[in-house]
């Protein structure tokens, strides 16, 4: 059997792509590696890490009410999520939200 390829995170604004193990929290990966994603408080209340999921939303954990409250304070864009709350299980493409 061929091993499953690792999920990729693509940042469409820069074109940077990173392979990550399935189940990776974007915050943890970004803090350990050089990625173009900014973070602030790291607990889902500041909105610094607000991104728009351009592709692969089905490959993320579901958002909760607390995350969506913060997102709604930051942007009205559809498919916005907080990077610090995202768990990657498959390929995703992200861009910064217009805040």
C-alpha atoms as a PDB file:
ATOM      1  CA  UNK A   1       0.000   0.000   0.000  1.00  0.00           C
ATOM      2  CA  UNK A   2       1.165   3.517  -0.755  1.00  0.00           C
ATOM      3  CA  UNK A   3       1.347   5.853   2.207  1.00  0.00           C
ATOM      4  CA  UNK A   4      -1.264   8.589   2.246  1.00  0.00           C
ATOM      5  CA  UNK A   5       0.169  11.960   1.324  1.00  0.00           C
ATOM      6  CA  UNK A   6       0.280  14.470   4.133  1.00  0.00           C
ATOM      7  CA  UNK A   7      -2.257  17.307   4.043  1.00  0.00           C
ATOM      8  CA  UNK A   8      -1.052  20.622   2.668  1.00  0.00           C
ATOM      9  CA  UNK A   9      -1.731  24.154   3.828  1.00  0.00           C
ATOM     10  CA  UNK A  10      -1.475  26.675   1.004  1.00  0.00           C
ATOM     11  CA  UNK A  11      -1.397  30.408   1.657  1.00  0.00           C
ATOM     12  CA  UNK A  12      -2.807  31.832  -1.583  1.00  0.00           C
ATOM     13  CA  UNK A  13      -1.501  35.378  -1.032  1.00  0.00           C
ATOM     14  CA  UNK A  14       2.133  34.222  -0.938  1.00  0.00           C
ATOM     15  CA  UNK A  15       1.892  30.871  -2.701  1.00  0.00           C
ATOM     16  CA  UNK A  16       3.621  29.172   0.244  1.00  0.00           C
ATOM     17  CA  UNK A  17       2.621  25.528   0.731  1.00  0.00           C
ATOM     18  CA  UNK A  18       3.440  23.361   3.733  1.00  0.00           C
ATOM     19  CA  UNK A  19       2.915  19.636   4.309  1.00  0.00           C
ATOM     20  CA  UNK A  20       1.618  18.858   7.787  1.00  0.00           C
ATOM     21  CA  UNK A  21       0.604  15.709   9.624  1.00  0.00           C
ATOM     22  CA  UNK A  22      -3.146  15.144   9.759  1.00  0.00           C
ATOM     23  CA  UNK A  23      -4.541  16.524  13.023  1.00  0.00           C
ATOM     24  CA  UNK A  24      -2.129  19.466  13.101  1.00  0.00           C
ATOM     25  CA  UNK A  25      -3.353  22.669  14.755  1.00  0.00           C
ATOM     26  CA  UNK A  26      -2.432  25.542  12.435  1.00  0.00           C
ATOM     27  CA  UNK A  27      -1.249  27.661  15.385  1.00  0.00           C
ATOM     28  CA  UNK A  28       1.153  24.965  16.601  1.00  0.00           C
ATOM     29  CA  UNK A  29       2.602  24.419  13.134  1.00  0.00           C
ATOM     30  CA  UNK A  30       2.982  28.136  12.394  1.00  0.00           C
ATOM     31  CA  UNK A  31       4.730  28.799  15.708  1.00  0.00           C
ATOM     32  CA  UNK A  32       7.219  25.972  15.091  1.00  0.00           C
ATOM     33  CA  UNK A  33       7.869  26.865  11.437  1.00  0.00           C
ATOM     34  CA  UNK A  34       8.193  29.973   9.302  1.00  0.00           C
ATOM     35  CA  UNK A  35       4.760  30.547   7.812  1.00  0.00           C
ATOM     36  CA  UNK A  36       3.131  33.772   6.612  1.00  0.00           C
ATOM     37  CA  UNK A  37       0.340  33.456   9.202  1.00  0.00           C
ATOM     38  CA  UNK A  38       0.249  36.026  12.017  1.00  0.00           C
ATOM     39  CA  UNK A  39      -1.071  35.247  15.494  1.00  0.00           C
ATOM     40  CA  UNK A  40      -1.823  37.434  18.499  1.00  0.00           C
ATOM     41  CA  UNK A  41      -3.417  36.128  21.665  1.00  0.00           C
ATOM     42  CA  UNK A  42      -3.424  32.454  20.482  1.00  0.00           C
ATOM     43  CA  UNK A  43      -6.682  31.695  22.333  1.00  0.00           C
ATOM     44  CA  UNK A  44      -9.345  32.824  19.876  1.00  0.00           C
ATOM     45  CA  UNK A  45     -10.272  36.234  21.228  1.00  0.00           C
ATOM     46  CA  UNK A  46      -8.198  38.831  19.315  1.00  0.00           C
ATOM     47  CA  UNK A  47      -8.893  37.896  15.683  1.00  0.00           C
ATOM     48  CA  UNK A  48      -5.324  38.538  14.484  1.00  0.00           C
ATOM     49  CA  UNK A  49      -5.259  35.097  12.847  1.00  0.00           C
ATOM     50  CA  UNK A  50      -8.575  35.480  10.994  1.00  0.00           C
ATOM     51  CA  UNK A  51      -8.342  33.795   7.588  1.00  0.00           C
ATOM     52  CA  UNK A  52     -10.714  32.932   4.771  1.00  0.00           C
ATOM     53  CA  UNK A  53     -10.804  29.276   3.798  1.00  0.00           C
ATOM     54  CA  UNK A  54     -10.742  29.378  -0.008  1.00  0.00           C
ATOM     55  CA  UNK A  55     -10.716  25.597  -0.404  1.00  0.00           C
ATOM     56  CA  UNK A  56     -10.820  22.568   1.848  1.00  0.00           C
ATOM     57  CA  UNK A  57     -13.232  23.737   4.566  1.00  0.00           C
ATOM     58  CA  UNK A  58     -14.393  20.125   4.843  1.00  0.00           C
ATOM     59  CA  UNK A  59     -10.843  19.251   5.949  1.00  0.00           C
ATOM     60  CA  UNK A  60     -11.066  21.362   9.110  1.00  0.00           C
ATOM     61  CA  UNK A  61     -12.604  20.764  12.502  1.00  0.00           C
ATOM     62  CA  UNK A  62     -16.022  22.410  12.962  1.00  0.00           C
ATOM     63  CA  UNK A  63     -15.988  25.912  14.411  1.00  0.00           C
ATOM     64  CA  UNK A  64     -17.652  26.534  17.769  1.00  0.00           C
ATOM     65  CA  UNK A  65     -19.809  29.456  18.935  1.00  0.00           C
ATOM     66  CA  UNK A  66     -16.906  31.207  20.674  1.00  0.00           C
ATOM     67  CA  UNK A  67     -14.778  31.126  17.523  1.00  0.00           C
ATOM     68  CA  UNK A  68     -17.626  32.418  15.376  1.00  0.00           C
ATOM     69  CA  UNK A  69     -18.301  35.317  17.777  1.00  0.00           C
ATOM     70  CA  UNK A  70     -14.699  36.476  17.364  1.00  0.00           C
ATOM     71  CA  UNK A  71     -14.808  35.981  13.579  1.00  0.00           C
ATOM     72  CA  UNK A  72     -18.004  38.039  13.333  1.00  0.00           C
ATOM     73  CA  UNK A  73     -16.313  40.894  15.227  1.00  0.00           C
ATOM     74  CA  UNK A  74     -13.395  40.825  12.755  1.00  0.00           C
ATOM     75  CA  UNK A  75     -14.908  40.325   9.318  1.00  0.00           C
ATOM     76  CA  UNK A  76     -18.118  39.720   7.430  1.00  0.00           C
ATOM     77  CA  UNK A  77     -16.405  37.541   4.833  1.00  0.00           C
ATOM     78  CA  UNK A  78     -17.857  34.101   4.195  1.00  0.00           C
ATOM     79  CA  UNK A  79     -15.806  31.047   5.199  1.00  0.00           C
ATOM     80  CA  UNK A  80     -13.723  32.995   7.731  1.00  0.00           C
ATOM     81  CA  UNK A  81     -12.066  31.060  10.547  1.00  0.00           C
ATOM     82  CA  UNK A  82      -9.501  31.662  13.269  1.00  0.00           C
ATOM     83  CA  UNK A  83      -6.154  30.069  12.502  1.00  0.00           C
ATOM     84  CA  UNK A  84      -5.541  29.374  16.179  1.00  0.00           C
ATOM     85  CA  UNK A  85      -8.641  27.168  16.313  1.00  0.00           C
ATOM     86  CA  UNK A  86      -8.158  25.226  13.065  1.00  0.00           C
ATOM     87  CA  UNK A  87      -7.218  21.542  13.056  1.00  0.00           C
ATOM     88  CA  UNK A  88      -6.042  20.368   9.628  1.00  0.00           C
ATOM     89  CA  UNK A  89      -7.106  16.908   8.413  1.00  0.00           C
ATOM     90  CA  UNK A  90      -6.688  17.453   4.652  1.00  0.00           C
ATOM     91  CA  UNK A  91      -5.611  20.006   2.062  1.00  0.00           C
ATOM     92  CA  UNK A  92      -6.669  23.622   2.695  1.00  0.00           C
ATOM     93  CA  UNK A  93      -6.074  26.939   0.969  1.00  0.00           C
ATOM     94  CA  UNK A  94      -6.173  30.068   3.116  1.00  0.00           C
ATOM     95  CA  UNK A  95      -5.829  33.823   2.701  1.00  0.00           C
ATOM     96  CA  UNK A  96      -5.945  36.655   5.208  1.00  0.00           C
ATOM     97  CA  UNK A  97      -9.430  37.946   5.914  1.00  0.00           C
ATOM     98  CA  UNK A  98     -10.284  41.551   5.104  1.00  0.00           C
ATOM     99  CA  UNK A  99     -10.605  43.016   8.570  1.00  0.00           C
END
